[in-house]
Amino acid sequence: MSNNADVIILGGGSGGYTCAFSAAQLGLSVILIEQDKIGGTCLHRGCIPTKALLHSAEVADVIAEADRFGINGTLSGVDIDGVHAYKDSVVSKLYKGLSGLVTHHNVRVIQGHGRYLGDRTIAVEGQTFTGDAVVLATGSTPAVPAIFPIGERIVTSDGALVLDRIPQSAVILGGGVIGVEFASVWSSFGTDVTIVEALPRLVSAEDEWSSNQLERAFRRRKIKVRTGTRVERLVPDEARVSVHLDSGEILEPDTVLVAVGRKPQTKDCGFEEAGIELQDGFVVTNSRLETSHPNVFAVGDIVRGLQLAHRGFQQGIFVANQIAGNGRTLPAESTIPRVTYSNPEIASVGLTEESARAKYGEVTTAVYDLAGNGKSQILRSAGGVKLIRAGGKDAVGPIVGVHIVGSRVSELVGEAQLAVGWEAYPQEIAEMVHAHPTLSEAFGEAAMALSGAPLHSH
């Protein structure tokens, strides 16, 4: 069998396998190199298993609060082995389907650790593979400061996903997406949770309004939040971890989760040695996602920007079309939807109010409180929808930012993306009919308010 192909892809995660399938659909021969399992971090150690845990946590919350809905029920405990079995079954089913698609698209998979040698050639286990084009898609890994000793009681998100116990108490280092999602899971399972974040607020990449909504909800859930606080050192023993804060305070949980972010997986891949230009560990690319080597492309988390699976999907499709000679537009980074699956959820597209003011000077905002939304009251959910329009109150401008907080609001992000991506005006959204009673009505109500004609708000 030939070790040459039209496209050689290093990495079978979200960006890599999507690029492989798209290239095959376009009639190109494809070799996909993966050292672990097709699906990468998202399927096996990220998006899917964490969201399965979050759904188990949601079920626990519903049972614990059943009397609020007139149902007699008691949460007698959480079977962590059963939770893992459910989570693993979801991953297994999706992996089986993905493996079938590999066969269907006639993609040749090479198992092993690949190193890029230059000249569009990759070495794997003593063999070399050369393509007319090469795509680098090696993904990311948890970032762990050297002062934090990972072990049985100090874990990364990878370790937290397979933890065989429910912590009685936990300190989570980092108030970003990963940190607040695990805070939600463990709190629902009965853990006493404290989040320690060095920045002034949680989920700092989101709009300040969203951060405030989340922190308020976490306080109601008895999740403790220490923002503007740094950890100086961690000292584990057999039963607990001493967490020394810069304030002089010492916390003593039985588990610490290090969730300070993820870093590109570009070491030990041969990139730098072969002359691929890197910056802070990220692969430098042009507007075609081509690296400093001709016909060598990069997609996914190794390209600076939002580290999201759906971004990797689109980049994989885009690069496959570039290689095939087809014109295709890469979505602007600002139109990529972002979702934090905590309880409550945060969904957003576009600019924060701060970044919108920096870009446009004047902006106009409107917030619709979910207290006025029928479906949210049925769900007993709090939160709201915030829309940001370019221009002052008397100007006419498009929606440039959407920020939503509440239960199940991730399902509203599709309409939000269309509004921002197509530069919709508030009055255009206001004229659309939103089914009643649904959460989507809140989006329409916010648009009515922003267009100057609120219906169920002042």
Protein backbone atom coordinates (compact mmCIF):
# COMPACT_ATOMS: atom_id res chain seq x y z
CA MET A 1 0.00 0.00 0.00
CA SER A 2 1.38 3.41 -0.98
CA ASN A 3 2.61 5.78 1.69
CA ASN A 4 1.77 8.75 -0.53
CA ALA A 5 -1.58 10.52 -0.66
CA ASP A 6 -3.17 13.75 -1.78
CA VAL A 7 -3.59 14.75 1.86
CA ILE A 8 -1.74 13.60 4.99
CA ILE A 9 -3.41 14.70 8.24
CA LEU A 10 -1.59 14.58 11.57
CA GLY A 11 -4.20 14.33 14.32
CA GLY A 12 -7.66 12.77 14.31
CA GLY A 13 -9.54 15.17 16.57
CA SER A 14 -12.36 17.53 15.60
CA GLY A 15 -10.40 19.48 12.99
CA GLY A 16 -8.39 16.53 11.69
CA TYR A 17 -11.11 13.98 11.07
CA THR A 18 -13.47 16.62 9.64
CA CYS A 19 -10.76 17.65 7.20
CA ALA A 20 -10.22 13.98 6.30
CA PHE A 21 -13.91 13.32 5.61
CA SER A 22 -14.32 16.54 3.62
CA ALA A 23 -11.20 15.87 1.54
CA ALA A 24 -12.40 12.34 0.79
CA GLN A 25 -15.81 13.68 -0.29
CA LEU A 26 -13.96 16.00 -2.67
CA GLY A 27 -12.27 13.01 -4.31
CA LEU A 28 -8.86 13.26 -2.64
CA SER A 29 -6.91 10.32 -1.22
CA VAL A 30 -6.39 10.72 2.53
CA ILE A 31 -4.09 9.27 5.18
CA LEU A 32 -5.02 10.18 8.76
CA ILE A 33 -2.39 9.69 11.48
CA GLU A 34 -3.58 9.45 15.10
CA GLN A 35 -1.71 8.15 18.16
CA ASP A 36 -4.85 7.59 20.24
CA LYS A 37 -8.49 7.31 19.13
CA ILE A 38 -10.27 9.12 16.31
CA GLY A 39 -12.37 11.90 17.82
CA GLY A 40 -9.57 13.36 19.91
CA THR A 41 -10.01 15.37 23.08
CA CYS A 42 -13.55 16.52 22.27
CA LEU A 43 -15.04 13.05 22.03
CA HIS A 44 -12.94 11.21 24.60
CA ARG A 45 -11.76 13.76 27.20
CA GLY A 46 -13.64 16.99 26.55
CA CYS A 47 -16.93 18.14 25.08
CA ILE A 48 -18.89 14.89 25.12
CA PRO A 49 -17.92 13.28 28.45
CA THR A 50 -18.09 16.57 30.35
CA LYS A 51 -21.55 17.32 29.00
CA ALA A 52 -22.66 13.81 29.95
CA LEU A 53 -21.49 14.51 33.50
CA LEU A 54 -23.34 17.81 33.43
CA HIS A 55 -26.53 16.04 32.37
CA SER A 56 -26.17 13.59 35.27
CA ALA A 57 -25.74 16.62 37.52
CA GLU A 58 -28.90 18.17 36.04
CA VAL A 59 -30.84 14.99 36.80
CA ALA A 60 -29.54 15.10 40.38
CA ASP A 61 -30.70 18.72 40.69
CA VAL A 62 -34.16 17.90 39.34
CA ILE A 63 -34.60 15.04 41.82
CA ALA A 64 -33.30 17.12 44.72
CA GLU A 65 -35.76 19.90 43.87
CA ALA A 66 -38.67 17.68 42.80
CA ASP A 67 -40.99 19.08 45.46
CA ARG A 68 -40.79 22.49 43.75
CA PHE A 69 -42.70 20.90 40.87
CA GLY A 70 -45.21 19.01 42.95
CA ILE A 71 -43.41 15.68 42.68
CA ASN A 72 -42.50 13.55 45.67
CA GLY A 73 -38.90 12.46 45.24
CA THR A 74 -35.72 12.11 47.25
CA LEU A 75 -32.11 12.17 46.10
CA SER A 76 -30.61 9.31 48.11
CA GLY A 77 -27.14 9.60 46.63
CA VAL A 78 -24.97 9.53 43.52
CA ASP A 79 -23.54 6.28 42.15
CA ILE A 80 -20.30 7.53 40.62
CA ASP A 81 -19.66 4.18 38.90
CA GLY A 82 -23.09 4.40 37.31
CA VAL A 83 -22.44 7.99 36.24
CA HIS A 84 -19.19 6.92 34.57
CA ALA A 85 -20.95 3.97 32.89
CA TYR A 86 -23.56 6.34 31.42
CA LYS A 87 -20.87 8.81 30.31
CA ASP A 88 -18.74 6.08 28.76
CA SER A 89 -21.73 4.61 26.92
CA VAL A 90 -22.37 7.95 25.23
CA VAL A 91 -18.73 8.24 24.18
CA SER A 92 -18.62 4.62 23.00
CA LYS A 93 -21.71 4.97 20.81
CA LEU A 94 -20.43 8.14 19.16
CA TYR A 95 -16.96 6.61 18.67
CA LYS A 96 -18.50 3.56 16.99
CA GLY A 97 -20.40 5.82 14.60
CA LEU A 98 -17.28 7.87 13.86
CA SER A 99 -15.25 4.72 13.16
CA GLY A 100 -17.91 3.65 10.69
CA LEU A 101 -17.62 6.98 8.89
CA VAL A 102 -13.84 6.48 8.58
CA THR A 103 -14.52 3.26 6.69
CA HIS A 104 -17.34 4.81 4.68
CA HIS A 105 -15.11 7.65 3.46
CA ASN A 106 -12.26 5.24 2.68
CA VAL A 107 -9.86 7.17 4.90
CA ARG A 108 -6.69 5.21 5.70
CA VAL A 109 -5.81 5.51 9.39
CA ILE A 110 -2.25 5.04 10.67
CA GLN A 111 -1.99 4.41 14.41
CA GLY A 112 1.02 5.95 16.14
CA HIS A 113 2.82 9.12 17.15
CA GLY A 114 3.66 11.21 14.10
CA ARG A 115 6.46 13.75 13.69
CA TYR A 116 6.58 16.27 10.88
CA LEU A 117 9.95 16.06 9.07
CA GLY A 118 9.48 18.85 6.52
CA ASP A 119 8.89 18.50 2.77
CA ARG A 120 5.28 17.47 3.46
CA THR A 121 6.48 14.25 5.10
CA ILE A 122 5.50 12.70 8.44
CA ALA A 123 7.33 9.88 10.22
CA VAL A 124 5.34 7.29 12.19
CA GLU A 125 6.85 4.24 13.88
CA GLY A 126 9.74 3.94 11.42
CA GLN A 127 7.61 4.65 8.33
CA THR A 128 7.32 7.90 6.38
CA PHE A 129 4.21 9.28 4.68
CA THR A 130 4.28 12.08 2.11
CA GLY A 131 1.37 14.09 0.78
CA ASP A 132 0.76 16.70 -1.87
CA ALA A 133 -0.60 18.61 1.13
CA VAL A 134 -0.21 18.13 4.87
CA VAL A 135 -2.62 19.25 7.59
CA LEU A 136 -1.40 19.65 11.18
CA ALA A 137 -4.18 19.03 13.71
CA THR A 138 -2.51 17.88 16.93
CA GLY A 139 -4.92 19.66 19.28
CA SER A 140 -4.34 20.85 22.84
CA THR A 141 -3.61 19.58 26.33
CA PRO A 142 -4.34 20.91 29.84
CA ALA A 143 -1.99 23.70 30.91
CA VAL A 144 -0.38 22.86 34.25
CA PRO A 145 1.95 25.34 35.98
CA ALA A 146 5.13 23.61 37.18
CA ILE A 147 4.40 24.50 40.82
CA PHE A 148 1.25 22.32 40.84
CA PRO A 149 2.11 18.64 41.44
CA ILE A 150 -0.49 16.56 39.60
CA GLY A 151 -1.38 13.36 41.44
CA GLU A 152 -4.20 11.51 43.18
CA ARG A 153 -5.62 14.60 44.90
CA ILE A 154 -4.51 17.28 42.43
CA VAL A 155 -6.01 16.59 39.01
CA THR A 156 -6.49 18.18 35.61
CA SER A 157 -9.78 17.96 33.71
CA ASP A 158 -8.56 14.65 32.24
CA GLY A 159 -8.22 13.21 35.74
CA ALA A 160 -11.48 14.73 36.95
CA LEU A 161 -13.37 12.94 34.17
CA VAL A 162 -12.36 9.53 35.50
CA LEU A 163 -12.22 10.31 39.23
CA ASP A 164 -13.54 7.28 41.12
CA ARG A 165 -14.96 9.31 43.99
CA ILE A 166 -17.12 12.35 44.55
CA PRO A 167 -15.02 14.91 46.44
CA GLN A 168 -16.39 16.02 49.78
CA SER A 169 -14.67 19.36 49.24
CA ALA A 170 -12.88 20.74 46.21
CA VAL A 171 -10.94 23.83 45.23
CA ILE A 172 -11.00 24.61 41.53
CA LEU A 173 -8.09 26.68 40.27
CA GLY A 174 -9.44 28.70 37.37
CA GLY A 175 -12.82 30.29 36.77
CA GLY A 176 -12.94 29.79 33.02
CA VAL A 177 -15.22 27.44 31.10
CA ILE A 178 -13.69 24.20 32.38
CA GLY A 179 -13.58 25.42 35.98
CA VAL A 180 -17.18 26.59 36.20
CA GLU A 181 -18.51 23.48 34.44
CA PHE A 182 -16.83 21.15 36.93
CA ALA A 183 -17.95 23.43 39.76
CA SER A 184 -21.52 22.89 38.58
CA VAL A 185 -21.12 19.11 38.34
CA TRP A 186 -19.50 18.61 41.72
CA SER A 187 -21.82 21.03 43.51
CA SER A 188 -24.84 19.12 42.15
CA PHE A 189 -23.25 15.88 43.40
CA GLY A 190 -22.92 17.34 46.91
CA THR A 191 -19.33 18.63 46.93
CA ASP A 192 -18.42 21.79 48.86
CA VAL A 193 -16.85 23.80 46.01
CA THR A 194 -14.60 26.87 46.03
CA ILE A 195 -13.37 28.48 42.81
CA VAL A 196 -10.14 30.46 42.97
CA GLU A 197 -9.59 32.81 40.00
CA ALA A 198 -6.70 35.24 39.57
CA LEU A 199 -8.70 37.58 37.31
CA PRO A 200 -11.37 39.96 38.66
CA ARG A 201 -14.32 37.82 37.53
CA LEU A 202 -15.39 34.39 36.35
CA VAL A 203 -15.48 33.52 32.62
CA SER A 204 -13.56 36.70 31.92
CA ALA A 205 -13.72 36.24 28.14
CA GLU A 206 -17.48 36.74 28.32
CA ASP A 207 -19.42 39.97 28.76
CA GLU A 208 -19.24 41.37 32.29
CA TRP A 209 -23.03 41.13 32.55
CA SER A 210 -22.81 37.36 31.93
CA SER A 211 -20.09 36.99 34.56
CA ASN A 212 -22.23 38.84 37.11
CA GLN A 213 -25.24 36.67 36.34
CA LEU A 214 -23.19 33.49 36.78
CA GLU A 215 -21.57 34.60 40.03
CA ARG A 216 -24.98 35.54 41.44
CA ALA A 217 -26.35 32.12 40.52
CA PHE A 218 -23.31 30.35 42.00
CA ARG A 219 -23.78 32.19 45.28
CA ARG A 220 -27.37 30.93 45.40
CA ARG A 221 -26.00 27.41 44.82
CA LYS A 222 -23.53 27.88 47.71
CA ILE A 223 -20.53 27.68 45.35
CA LYS A 224 -17.87 29.94 46.84
CA VAL A 225 -15.96 32.22 44.46
CA ARG A 226 -12.61 33.91 45.21
CA THR A 227 -11.76 36.24 42.32
CA GLY A 228 -8.66 38.41 42.19
CA THR A 229 -6.88 35.70 44.17
CA ARG A 230 -3.76 33.71 43.33
CA VAL A 231 -2.51 30.36 44.57
CA GLU A 232 1.07 30.40 45.79
CA ARG A 233 1.53 26.67 46.33
CA LEU A 234 -0.23 23.35 46.80
CA VAL A 235 0.85 20.87 49.48
CA PRO A 236 -0.88 17.47 49.23
CA ASP A 237 -0.92 14.71 51.85
CA GLU A 238 -2.83 11.43 52.09
CA ALA A 239 -6.17 13.01 52.98
CA ARG A 240 -6.21 16.58 51.72
CA VAL A 241 -4.42 19.38 49.89
CA SER A 242 -3.26 22.57 51.59
CA VAL A 243 -4.02 25.41 49.17
CA HIS A 244 -1.97 28.48 50.08
CA LEU A 245 -3.52 31.71 48.74
CA ASP A 246 -1.71 35.01 48.25
CA SER A 247 -4.00 36.50 50.91
CA GLY A 248 -2.34 34.26 53.49
CA GLU A 249 -5.43 32.06 53.81
CA ILE A 250 -5.05 28.28 53.59
CA LEU A 251 -7.86 26.12 52.22
CA GLU A 252 -7.83 22.37 52.86
CA PRO A 253 -10.04 20.48 50.38
CA ASP A 254 -9.67 16.77 49.68
CA THR A 255 -9.41 17.45 45.91
CA VAL A 256 -7.96 20.22 43.75
CA LEU A 257 -8.79 20.65 40.08
CA VAL A 258 -6.24 22.60 38.04
CA ALA A 259 -8.32 24.26 35.31
CA VAL A 260 -6.21 27.23 34.27
CA GLY A 261 -6.66 26.62 30.54
CA ARG A 262 -5.31 24.53 27.70
CA LYS A 263 -2.15 24.87 25.62
CA PRO A 264 -1.45 23.84 22.01
CA GLN A 265 0.03 20.37 21.57
CA THR A 266 2.97 21.32 19.34
CA LYS A 267 5.92 19.96 21.31
CA ASP A 268 7.46 16.64 20.26
CA CYS A 269 5.70 16.89 16.91
CA GLY A 270 8.72 18.04 14.90
CA PHE A 271 7.15 21.35 13.93
CA GLU A 272 9.80 23.68 15.29
CA GLU A 273 12.69 21.45 14.23
CA ALA A 274 11.36 21.32 10.67
CA GLY A 275 11.08 25.11 10.51
CA ILE A 276 7.32 25.58 10.96
CA GLU A 277 6.83 29.07 12.42
CA LEU A 278 5.42 29.03 15.95
CA GLN A 279 4.40 31.82 18.30
CA ASP A 280 3.88 31.04 21.99
CA GLY A 281 3.46 27.41 20.99
CA PHE A 282 0.74 28.13 18.40
CA VAL A 283 1.28 27.46 14.70
CA VAL A 284 1.34 30.70 12.70
CA THR A 285 -0.96 30.63 9.65
CA ASN A 286 -2.17 32.99 6.94
CA SER A 287 -5.78 33.66 5.93
CA ARG A 288 -5.88 30.27 4.15
CA LEU A 289 -4.70 28.54 7.35
CA GLU A 290 -1.45 27.74 5.53
CA THR A 291 1.70 27.60 7.65
CA SER A 292 5.13 29.00 6.83
CA HIS A 293 5.66 25.85 4.70
CA PRO A 294 3.81 25.82 1.35
CA ASN A 295 0.91 23.35 1.20
CA VAL A 296 1.20 22.61 4.91
CA PHE A 297 -1.91 23.75 6.79
CA ALA A 298 -2.96 23.87 10.45
CA VAL A 299 -6.42 23.62 12.03
CA GLY A 300 -8.02 23.53 15.47
CA ASP A 301 -6.54 24.30 18.85
CA ILE A 302 -2.97 24.71 17.56
CA VAL A 303 -4.12 27.82 15.66
CA ARG A 304 -4.43 30.82 17.98
CA GLY A 305 -8.04 31.73 18.74
CA LEU A 306 -11.08 30.11 20.32
CA GLN A 307 -10.28 26.55 21.36
CA LEU A 308 -13.64 25.07 20.39
CA ALA A 309 -14.51 21.84 18.60
CA HIS A 310 -16.96 23.50 16.22
CA ARG A 311 -14.28 25.99 15.20
CA GLY A 312 -12.03 23.02 14.39
CA PHE A 313 -14.85 21.42 12.36
CA GLN A 314 -15.24 24.48 10.16
CA GLN A 315 -11.50 24.95 9.76
CA GLY A 316 -11.14 21.31 8.69
CA ILE A 317 -13.82 21.72 6.02
CA PHE A 318 -12.28 25.02 4.90
CA VAL A 319 -8.77 23.56 4.51
CA ALA A 320 -10.04 20.50 2.62
CA ASN A 321 -11.66 22.86 0.13
CA GLN A 322 -8.50 24.97 -0.10
CA ILE A 323 -6.47 21.87 -0.96
CA ALA A 324 -9.07 20.81 -3.55
CA GLY A 325 -8.94 24.26 -5.15
CA ASN A 326 -12.45 25.29 -4.14
CA GLY A 327 -13.34 28.75 -2.92
CA ARG A 328 -14.82 28.81 0.55
CA THR A 329 -15.14 31.50 3.20
CA LEU A 330 -13.81 30.93 6.69
CA PRO A 331 -16.28 32.26 9.28
CA ALA A 332 -15.04 35.29 11.21
CA GLU A 333 -13.88 34.42 14.70
CA SER A 334 -16.41 36.86 16.17
CA THR A 335 -19.32 34.91 14.66
CA ILE A 336 -18.34 31.61 16.27
CA PRO A 337 -20.83 30.71 19.03
CA ARG A 338 -19.51 30.13 22.56
CA VAL A 339 -21.28 28.07 25.20
CA THR A 340 -20.44 27.38 28.83
CA TYR A 341 -22.53 24.42 30.01
CA SER A 342 -22.56 25.34 33.68
CA ASN A 343 -25.76 25.69 35.69
CA PRO A 344 -26.91 28.22 34.58
CA GLU A 345 -25.61 28.04 31.01
CA ILE A 346 -23.92 30.93 29.22
CA ALA A 347 -24.29 31.32 25.45
CA SER A 348 -22.82 34.13 23.39
CA VAL A 349 -21.89 35.26 19.90
CA GLY A 350 -20.05 38.37 18.80
CA LEU A 351 -18.58 41.22 20.77
CA THR A 352 -18.81 41.97 24.47
CA GLU A 353 -20.05 45.44 25.38
CA GLU A 354 -16.50 46.50 26.22
CA SER A 355 -15.05 45.31 22.90
CA ALA A 356 -18.01 46.73 20.97
CA ARG A 357 -17.44 50.17 22.48
CA ALA A 358 -13.75 49.93 21.61
CA LYS A 359 -14.64 49.14 17.99
CA TYR A 360 -17.69 51.34 17.37
CA GLY A 361 -17.40 54.10 19.95
CA GLU A 362 -21.08 54.21 20.76
CA VAL A 363 -23.30 51.17 21.28
CA THR A 364 -26.81 50.56 22.55
CA THR A 365 -27.78 47.61 24.72
CA ALA A 366 -30.96 45.97 25.92
CA VAL A 367 -31.47 43.24 28.51
CA TYR A 368 -34.59 41.12 28.73
CA ASP A 369 -34.97 39.39 32.09
CA LEU A 370 -36.06 35.74 31.93
CA ALA A 371 -38.44 36.48 34.81
CA GLY A 372 -40.87 37.60 32.11
CA ASN A 373 -40.46 34.50 29.94
CA GLY A 374 -43.12 31.82 30.36
CA LYS A 375 -40.91 28.81 29.60
CA SER A 376 -38.20 30.06 31.98
CA GLN A 377 -40.77 30.34 34.77
CA ILE A 378 -41.94 26.79 34.03
CA LEU A 379 -38.30 25.65 34.31
CA ARG A 380 -37.75 27.86 37.39
CA SER A 381 -34.80 29.43 35.61
CA ALA A 382 -33.28 32.87 36.12
CA GLY A 383 -31.11 34.89 33.77
CA GLY A 384 -31.64 37.01 30.72
CA VAL A 385 -30.78 37.98 27.16
CA LYS A 386 -28.50 40.92 26.41
CA LEU A 387 -28.23 42.35 22.90
CA ILE A 388 -25.63 44.88 21.77
CA ARG A 389 -26.22 47.12 18.74
CA ALA A 390 -23.63 49.27 17.02
CA GLY A 391 -24.38 53.00 17.31
CA GLY A 392 -26.05 55.30 19.84
CA LYS A 393 -29.73 55.36 20.74
CA ASP A 394 -30.73 57.47 17.76
CA ALA A 395 -28.60 55.52 15.28
CA VAL A 396 -29.57 52.52 13.19
CA GLY A 397 -27.05 49.72 13.46
CA PRO A 398 -26.77 45.92 13.40
CA ILE A 399 -26.63 43.53 16.33
CA VAL A 400 -22.94 42.91 17.06
CA GLY A 401 -23.16 40.92 20.29
CA VAL A 402 -25.56 38.50 21.94
CA HIS A 403 -25.14 37.26 25.52
CA ILE A 404 -27.59 34.84 27.18
CA VAL A 405 -27.61 33.30 30.66
CA GLY A 406 -30.11 30.75 31.92
CA SER A 407 -31.28 27.15 31.80
CA ARG A 408 -30.97 25.47 28.37
CA VAL A 409 -29.98 28.73 26.67
CA SER A 410 -27.33 26.91 24.62
CA GLU A 411 -30.20 26.03 22.28
CA LEU A 412 -30.70 29.73 21.50
CA VAL A 413 -27.19 30.27 20.20
CA GLY A 414 -28.08 29.26 16.63
CA GLU A 415 -30.42 32.23 16.18
CA ALA A 416 -27.87 34.44 17.90
CA GLN A 417 -25.21 33.37 15.41
CA LEU A 418 -27.49 34.15 12.46
CA ALA A 419 -28.29 37.57 13.90
CA VAL A 420 -24.63 38.52 14.36
CA GLY A 421 -23.29 36.72 11.28
CA TRP A 422 -25.85 38.29 8.95
CA GLU A 423 -25.62 41.67 10.68
CA ALA A 424 -29.33 41.69 11.46
CA TYR A 425 -31.02 44.84 12.76
CA PRO A 426 -33.03 44.58 15.99
CA GLN A 427 -36.29 45.49 14.25
CA GLU A 428 -35.78 42.60 11.79
CA ILE A 429 -35.53 40.11 14.66
CA ALA A 430 -38.45 41.81 16.45
CA GLU A 431 -40.71 41.23 13.44
CA MET A 432 -40.05 37.47 13.43
CA VAL A 433 -42.60 35.19 15.11
CA HIS A 434 -41.20 33.21 18.04
CA ALA A 435 -43.28 30.26 19.25
CA HIS A 436 -44.98 30.55 22.64
CA PRO A 437 -44.05 29.45 25.24
CA THR A 438 -40.39 28.97 24.35
CA LEU A 439 -37.06 30.32 25.49
CA SER A 440 -36.60 31.76 22.00
CA GLU A 441 -39.30 34.32 22.79
CA ALA A 442 -36.79 35.97 25.12
CA PHE A 443 -34.53 36.64 22.14
CA GLY A 444 -37.41 38.28 20.29
CA GLU A 445 -38.38 40.32 23.37
CA ALA A 446 -34.81 41.61 23.73
CA ALA A 447 -34.85 42.62 20.06
CA MET A 448 -38.17 44.44 20.57
CA ALA A 449 -36.68 46.33 23.51
CA LEU A 450 -33.57 47.25 21.53
CA SER A 451 -35.67 48.47 18.59
CA GLY A 452 -37.56 50.80 20.94
CA ALA A 453 -40.83 48.84 21.17
CA PRO A 454 -40.66 46.51 24.18
CA LEU A 455 -43.72 44.29 24.69
CA HIS A 456 -43.34 42.49 28.01
CA SER A 457 -40.74 44.75 29.60
CA HIS A 458 -40.31 48.44 30.40
